[in-house]
Amino acid sequence: MTAIPALPAPRSNPQLPDYIQNDAKLREAAQKLEASFLSEMLKSAGLGAPREAFGGGAGEEHFSSFLREAQANEMVKAGGIGLAQSLFEAMKVQSNA
């Protein structure tokens, strides 16, 4: 029978410098804001609007907002419209001032 060597103890997560952590937080906030903006734009465009025939009733209207948010988040992950990058750069300038 072959002995399996013991695994080494897991390494602790390295502590990133503050400026990198702050940049990640700013970028995440900018992406969330862009996703919210895109979700509202999709709503204005009529995405998820209840259909006249064979509609899903009140439930369809409530759950369509989840669909819009998911699609907006995927749009941001794919690069979005550039709003998140502009917001990130503006917030970074403000935080460094």
N, C-alpha and C. Protein backbone atom coordinates (compact mmCIF):
# COMPACT_ATOMS: atom_id res chain seq x y z
N MET A 1 0.84 -1.16 0.00
CA MET A 1 0.00 0.00 0.00
C MET A 1 0.89 1.24 0.00
N THR A 2 0.56 2.22 -0.81
CA THR A 2 1.35 3.43 -0.94
C THR A 2 0.84 4.48 0.04
N ALA A 3 1.75 5.08 0.76
CA ALA A 3 1.37 6.12 1.71
C ALA A 3 1.20 7.44 0.97
N ILE A 4 0.17 8.16 1.33
CA ILE A 4 -0.08 9.48 0.74
C ILE A 4 0.57 10.51 1.64
N PRO A 5 1.46 11.33 1.08
CA PRO A 5 2.12 12.33 1.92
C PRO A 5 1.10 13.35 2.43
N ALA A 6 1.35 13.87 3.61
CA ALA A 6 0.48 14.88 4.20
C ALA A 6 0.61 16.17 3.41
N LEU A 7 -0.52 16.84 3.22
CA LEU A 7 -0.51 18.12 2.53
C LEU A 7 0.02 19.20 3.45
N PRO A 8 0.73 20.18 2.88
CA PRO A 8 1.20 21.27 3.72
C PRO A 8 0.02 22.10 4.22
N ALA A 9 0.23 22.82 5.27
CA ALA A 9 -0.82 23.70 5.82
C ALA A 9 -1.17 24.76 4.79
N PRO A 10 -2.43 25.12 4.69
CA PRO A 10 -2.80 26.15 3.72
C PRO A 10 -2.15 27.48 4.05
N ARG A 11 -1.80 28.17 3.00
CA ARG A 11 -1.18 29.49 3.18
C ARG A 11 -2.26 30.52 3.47
N SER A 12 -1.92 31.50 4.25
CA SER A 12 -2.88 32.57 4.52
C SER A 12 -2.95 33.47 3.29
N ASN A 13 -4.08 34.13 3.14
CA ASN A 13 -4.24 35.05 2.02
C ASN A 13 -3.29 36.22 2.19
N PRO A 14 -2.54 36.54 1.14
CA PRO A 14 -1.62 37.67 1.27
C PRO A 14 -2.41 38.97 1.40
N GLN A 15 -1.93 39.83 2.23
CA GLN A 15 -2.57 41.13 2.42
C GLN A 15 -2.11 42.05 1.29
N LEU A 16 -3.06 42.52 0.51
CA LEU A 16 -2.75 43.42 -0.59
C LEU A 16 -2.55 44.82 -0.05
N PRO A 17 -1.72 45.62 -0.72
CA PRO A 17 -1.55 47.01 -0.29
C PRO A 17 -2.88 47.76 -0.33
N ASP A 18 -2.99 48.78 0.50
CA ASP A 18 -4.24 49.54 0.60
C ASP A 18 -4.68 50.13 -0.73
N TYR A 19 -3.73 50.64 -1.52
CA TYR A 19 -4.13 51.28 -2.76
C TYR A 19 -4.73 50.27 -3.74
N ILE A 20 -4.31 49.02 -3.69
CA ILE A 20 -4.90 47.99 -4.56
C ILE A 20 -6.28 47.61 -4.05
N GLN A 21 -6.42 47.48 -2.73
CA GLN A 21 -7.73 47.17 -2.17
C GLN A 21 -8.72 48.28 -2.46
N ASN A 22 -8.28 49.54 -2.32
CA ASN A 22 -9.16 50.67 -2.59
C ASN A 22 -9.57 50.69 -4.06
N ASP A 23 -8.61 50.40 -4.96
CA ASP A 23 -8.94 50.38 -6.39
C ASP A 23 -9.98 49.31 -6.69
N ALA A 24 -9.86 48.16 -6.06
CA ALA A 24 -10.82 47.08 -6.30
C ALA A 24 -12.21 47.48 -5.80
N LYS A 25 -12.27 48.14 -4.66
CA LYS A 25 -13.55 48.60 -4.13
C LYS A 25 -14.17 49.67 -5.01
N LEU A 26 -13.34 50.59 -5.49
CA LEU A 26 -13.85 51.64 -6.37
C LEU A 26 -14.34 51.06 -7.69
N ARG A 27 -13.59 50.10 -8.24
CA ARG A 27 -13.99 49.48 -9.51
C ARG A 27 -15.30 48.72 -9.33
N GLU A 28 -15.44 48.02 -8.22
CA GLU A 28 -16.68 47.27 -7.97
C GLU A 28 -17.87 48.22 -7.84
N ALA A 29 -17.67 49.34 -7.14
CA ALA A 29 -18.75 50.32 -6.99
C ALA A 29 -19.13 50.92 -8.34
N ALA A 30 -18.13 51.20 -9.17
CA ALA A 30 -18.39 51.77 -10.49
C ALA A 30 -19.14 50.76 -11.37
N GLN A 31 -18.77 49.50 -11.28
CA GLN A 31 -19.45 48.47 -12.07
C GLN A 31 -20.88 48.27 -11.60
N LYS A 32 -21.12 48.35 -10.30
CA LYS A 32 -22.49 48.23 -9.79
C LYS A 32 -23.35 49.40 -10.28
N LEU A 33 -22.77 50.59 -10.29
CA LEU A 33 -23.51 51.75 -10.76
C LEU A 33 -23.82 51.64 -12.25
N GLU A 34 -22.86 51.16 -13.03
CA GLU A 34 -23.11 50.98 -14.47
C GLU A 34 -24.19 49.91 -14.68
N ALA A 35 -24.16 48.84 -13.89
CA ALA A 35 -25.18 47.80 -14.02
C ALA A 35 -26.56 48.34 -13.69
N SER A 36 -26.66 49.18 -12.67
CA SER A 36 -27.95 49.79 -12.32
C SER A 36 -28.44 50.69 -13.45
N PHE A 37 -27.52 51.46 -14.01
CA PHE A 37 -27.87 52.34 -15.12
C PHE A 37 -28.36 51.52 -16.32
N LEU A 38 -27.63 50.46 -16.65
CA LEU A 38 -28.03 49.63 -17.79
C LEU A 38 -29.36 48.93 -17.54
N SER A 39 -29.60 48.53 -16.31
CA SER A 39 -30.87 47.89 -15.96
C SER A 39 -32.03 48.85 -16.20
N GLU A 40 -31.85 50.09 -15.80
CA GLU A 40 -32.90 51.09 -16.03
C GLU A 40 -33.08 51.39 -17.53
N MET A 41 -31.97 51.37 -18.27
CA MET A 41 -32.07 51.60 -19.72
C MET A 41 -32.82 50.44 -20.39
N LEU A 42 -32.54 49.21 -19.94
CA LEU A 42 -33.25 48.05 -20.49
C LEU A 42 -34.73 48.12 -20.14
N LYS A 43 -35.03 48.60 -18.95
CA LYS A 43 -36.44 48.76 -18.55
C LYS A 43 -37.13 49.78 -19.44
N SER A 44 -36.46 50.90 -19.70
CA SER A 44 -37.03 51.93 -20.56
C SER A 44 -37.20 51.44 -21.99
N ALA A 45 -36.32 50.52 -22.40
CA ALA A 45 -36.42 49.97 -23.75
C ALA A 45 -37.53 48.95 -23.88
N GLY A 46 -38.12 48.56 -22.75
CA GLY A 46 -39.25 47.63 -22.79
C GLY A 46 -38.87 46.19 -22.56
N LEU A 47 -37.63 45.92 -22.19
CA LEU A 47 -37.24 44.54 -21.93
C LEU A 47 -37.92 44.06 -20.67
N GLY A 48 -38.61 42.94 -20.76
CA GLY A 48 -39.30 42.37 -19.61
C GLY A 48 -40.68 42.94 -19.39
N ALA A 49 -41.16 43.74 -20.34
CA ALA A 49 -42.52 44.27 -20.22
C ALA A 49 -43.53 43.14 -20.35
N PRO A 50 -44.61 43.17 -19.57
CA PRO A 50 -45.60 42.10 -19.66
C PRO A 50 -46.21 42.02 -21.05
N ARG A 51 -46.41 40.80 -21.51
CA ARG A 51 -47.02 40.58 -22.81
C ARG A 51 -48.53 40.67 -22.69
N GLU A 52 -49.17 41.05 -23.77
CA GLU A 52 -50.62 41.20 -23.74
C GLU A 52 -51.32 39.84 -23.74
N ALA A 53 -50.82 38.90 -24.53
CA ALA A 53 -51.45 37.59 -24.61
C ALA A 53 -50.58 36.57 -23.89
N PHE A 54 -51.19 35.70 -23.12
CA PHE A 54 -50.50 34.64 -22.41
C PHE A 54 -49.42 35.17 -21.48
N GLY A 55 -49.68 36.28 -20.84
CA GLY A 55 -48.72 36.85 -19.91
C GLY A 55 -48.67 36.07 -18.62
N GLY A 56 -47.66 36.33 -17.83
CA GLY A 56 -47.47 35.60 -16.59
C GLY A 56 -48.09 36.27 -15.39
N GLY A 57 -48.83 37.34 -15.59
CA GLY A 57 -49.49 38.01 -14.49
C GLY A 57 -48.53 38.87 -13.67
N ALA A 58 -48.91 39.06 -12.42
CA ALA A 58 -48.11 39.93 -11.53
C ALA A 58 -46.72 39.36 -11.28
N GLY A 59 -46.60 38.03 -11.22
CA GLY A 59 -45.31 37.40 -10.98
C GLY A 59 -44.32 37.70 -12.09
N GLU A 60 -44.81 37.73 -13.32
CA GLU A 60 -43.92 38.01 -14.44
C GLU A 60 -43.33 39.41 -14.32
N GLU A 61 -44.15 40.35 -13.91
CA GLU A 61 -43.69 41.72 -13.77
C GLU A 61 -42.61 41.83 -12.69
N HIS A 62 -42.80 41.13 -11.58
CA HIS A 62 -41.82 41.19 -10.50
C HIS A 62 -40.51 40.50 -10.88
N PHE A 63 -40.59 39.34 -11.51
CA PHE A 63 -39.39 38.59 -11.83
C PHE A 63 -38.65 39.14 -13.05
N SER A 64 -39.33 39.94 -13.86
CA SER A 64 -38.64 40.52 -15.02
C SER A 64 -37.54 41.48 -14.57
N SER A 65 -37.70 42.09 -13.38
CA SER A 65 -36.65 42.98 -12.89
C SER A 65 -35.37 42.20 -12.59
N PHE A 66 -35.53 40.94 -12.10
CA PHE A 66 -34.35 40.11 -11.86
C PHE A 66 -33.65 39.78 -13.17
N LEU A 67 -34.43 39.53 -14.21
CA LEU A 67 -33.86 39.24 -15.53
C LEU A 67 -33.08 40.45 -16.04
N ARG A 68 -33.67 41.63 -15.92
CA ARG A 68 -32.98 42.85 -16.38
C ARG A 68 -31.68 43.06 -15.61
N GLU A 69 -31.71 42.87 -14.31
CA GLU A 69 -30.49 43.05 -13.50
C GLU A 69 -29.41 42.05 -13.89
N ALA A 70 -29.81 40.80 -14.12
CA ALA A 70 -28.84 39.78 -14.51
C ALA A 70 -28.24 40.11 -15.88
N GLN A 71 -29.07 40.56 -16.80
CA GLN A 71 -28.56 40.91 -18.12
C GLN A 71 -27.64 42.13 -18.05
N ALA A 72 -28.00 43.10 -17.23
CA ALA A 72 -27.15 44.29 -17.06
C ALA A 72 -25.81 43.91 -16.45
N ASN A 73 -25.81 43.02 -15.46
CA ASN A 73 -24.55 42.57 -14.85
C ASN A 73 -23.68 41.85 -15.87
N GLU A 74 -24.28 41.03 -16.71
CA GLU A 74 -23.51 40.33 -17.74
C GLU A 74 -22.97 41.31 -18.77
N MET A 75 -23.73 42.35 -19.08
CA MET A 75 -23.24 43.37 -20.01
C MET A 75 -22.01 44.07 -19.43
N VAL A 76 -22.04 44.37 -18.15
CA VAL A 76 -20.90 45.02 -17.49
C VAL A 76 -19.69 44.10 -17.50
N LYS A 77 -19.90 42.81 -17.20
CA LYS A 77 -18.80 41.85 -17.22
C LYS A 77 -18.17 41.75 -18.61
N ALA A 78 -18.98 41.93 -19.64
CA ALA A 78 -18.48 41.84 -21.01
C ALA A 78 -17.84 43.14 -21.49
N GLY A 79 -17.79 44.15 -20.63
CA GLY A 79 -17.15 45.40 -21.02
C GLY A 79 -18.07 46.59 -20.92
N GLY A 80 -19.37 46.34 -20.90
CA GLY A 80 -20.34 47.42 -20.73
C GLY A 80 -20.24 48.48 -21.81
N ILE A 81 -20.59 49.68 -21.42
CA ILE A 81 -20.58 50.80 -22.36
C ILE A 81 -19.48 51.80 -22.03
N GLY A 82 -18.62 51.44 -21.08
CA GLY A 82 -17.50 52.30 -20.71
C GLY A 82 -17.80 53.24 -19.55
N LEU A 83 -19.02 53.20 -19.06
CA LEU A 83 -19.41 54.08 -17.96
C LEU A 83 -18.65 53.72 -16.68
N ALA A 84 -18.49 52.44 -16.40
CA ALA A 84 -17.80 52.01 -15.18
C ALA A 84 -16.36 52.51 -15.17
N GLN A 85 -15.68 52.45 -16.30
CA GLN A 85 -14.29 52.91 -16.37
C GLN A 85 -14.21 54.41 -16.11
N SER A 86 -15.12 55.17 -16.70
CA SER A 86 -15.13 56.62 -16.48
C SER A 86 -15.43 56.95 -15.02
N LEU A 87 -16.39 56.25 -14.44
CA LEU A 87 -16.72 56.48 -13.04
C LEU A 87 -15.55 56.09 -12.13
N PHE A 88 -14.90 54.96 -12.43
CA PHE A 88 -13.76 54.51 -11.64
C PHE A 88 -12.66 55.55 -11.66
N GLU A 89 -12.34 56.07 -12.84
CA GLU A 89 -11.26 57.06 -12.94
C GLU A 89 -11.62 58.33 -12.19
N ALA A 90 -12.88 58.77 -12.28
CA ALA A 90 -13.30 59.97 -11.56
C ALA A 90 -13.27 59.77 -10.05
N MET A 91 -13.72 58.60 -9.60
CA MET A 91 -13.70 58.33 -8.16
C MET A 91 -12.28 58.19 -7.64
N LYS A 92 -11.39 57.64 -8.48
CA LYS A 92 -10.00 57.48 -8.06
C LYS A 92 -9.34 58.84 -7.89
N VAL A 93 -9.62 59.76 -8.79
CA VAL A 93 -9.07 61.10 -8.68
C VAL A 93 -9.58 61.76 -7.40
N GLN A 94 -10.88 61.60 -7.13
CA GLN A 94 -11.46 62.18 -5.92
C GLN A 94 -10.86 61.58 -4.64
N SER A 95 -10.63 60.26 -4.66
CA SER A 95 -10.10 59.62 -3.45
C SER A 95 -8.63 59.96 -3.22
N ASN A 96 -7.91 60.28 -4.29
CA ASN A 96 -6.49 60.63 -4.14
C ASN A 96 -6.30 62.09 -3.80
N ALA A 97 -7.35 62.89 -3.95
CA ALA A 97 -7.23 64.33 -3.69
C ALA A 97 -7.22 64.65 -2.22
